[in-house]
Amino acid sequence: MAYVDMNNLKIINDRYGHDEGDFSIKLISEILTEVAADTGLAGRVGGDEFALAVPALPTDRERDFVE
């Protein structure tokens, strides 16, 4: 399980507009969905918070997830 909190969403929205904030949220969602692949589950909890559940990451994907 992982809890992912996006930093600086308010700054992105204030400085660049809500379209860019939406883009950022969608990008994080896509990345987490890729990490979850076919065996896990990723979802937006609310605002700029996400949750990821995966049974186990293949060894070659662990670094991608942490970074």
Protein backbone atom coordinates (compact mmCIF):
# COMPACT_ATOMS: atom_id res chain seq x y z
CA MET A 1 0.00 0.00 0.00
CA ALA A 2 1.12 3.52 -0.69
CA TYR A 3 -0.41 6.89 0.07
CA VAL A 4 0.66 9.55 -2.42
CA ASP A 5 0.20 13.25 -1.72
CA MET A 6 0.92 15.65 -4.55
CA ASN A 7 2.92 18.68 -3.44
CA ASN A 8 2.19 22.24 -4.56
CA LEU A 9 -1.11 21.71 -6.37
CA LYS A 10 -2.42 25.03 -5.02
CA ILE A 11 0.67 26.82 -6.33
CA ILE A 12 0.21 25.22 -9.77
CA ASN A 13 -3.46 26.26 -9.83
CA ASP A 14 -2.71 29.80 -8.65
CA ARG A 15 0.29 30.40 -10.89
CA TYR A 16 -0.63 28.50 -14.07
CA GLY A 17 -4.40 27.96 -13.84
CA HIS A 18 -6.72 25.09 -13.08
CA ASP A 19 -6.20 23.47 -16.48
CA GLU A 20 -2.54 22.88 -15.57
CA GLY A 21 -3.57 21.63 -12.12
CA ASP A 22 -5.99 19.17 -13.75
CA PHE A 23 -3.24 18.09 -16.13
CA SER A 24 -0.93 17.41 -13.16
CA ILE A 25 -3.57 15.34 -11.37
CA LYS A 26 -4.25 13.32 -14.53
CA LEU A 27 -0.52 12.75 -15.08
CA ILE A 28 -0.04 11.39 -11.56
CA SER A 29 -3.11 9.19 -12.05
CA GLU A 30 -1.67 7.78 -15.27
CA ILE A 31 1.71 7.06 -13.65
CA LEU A 32 0.12 5.29 -10.68
CA THR A 33 -2.14 3.30 -13.01
CA GLU A 34 0.94 2.15 -14.93
CA VAL A 35 2.65 1.12 -11.71
CA ALA A 36 -0.44 -0.79 -10.59
CA ALA A 37 -0.54 -2.56 -13.97
CA ASP A 38 -2.91 -5.54 -14.08
CA THR A 39 -2.33 -6.73 -10.52
CA GLY A 40 -2.86 -3.59 -8.45
CA LEU A 41 -5.29 -0.79 -7.90
CA ALA A 42 -4.73 2.96 -8.02
CA GLY A 43 -7.20 5.69 -7.24
CA ARG A 44 -7.65 9.29 -6.27
CA VAL A 45 -8.70 9.62 -2.65
CA GLY A 46 -9.55 13.30 -3.00
CA GLY A 47 -8.01 16.63 -3.87
CA ASP A 48 -4.33 15.91 -4.44
CA GLU A 49 -4.21 12.58 -2.60
CA PHE A 50 -3.95 9.14 -4.14
CA ALA A 51 -3.77 5.55 -2.94
CA LEU A 52 -1.98 2.63 -4.56
CA ALA A 53 -2.32 -1.04 -3.68
CA VAL A 54 -0.11 -3.62 -5.36
CA PRO A 55 0.55 -7.18 -4.21
CA ALA A 56 4.25 -6.92 -5.12
CA LEU A 57 6.29 -4.92 -7.57
CA PRO A 58 8.62 -6.67 -9.96
CA THR A 59 12.18 -5.94 -8.87
CA ASP A 60 12.90 -3.86 -11.96
CA ARG A 61 9.93 -1.56 -11.19
CA GLU A 62 10.63 -0.86 -7.51
CA ARG A 63 13.01 2.03 -8.22
CA ASP A 64 10.51 3.59 -10.66
CA PHE A 65 7.88 3.59 -7.95
CA VAL A 66 10.06 5.07 -5.21
CA GLU A 67 11.53 7.81 -7.40
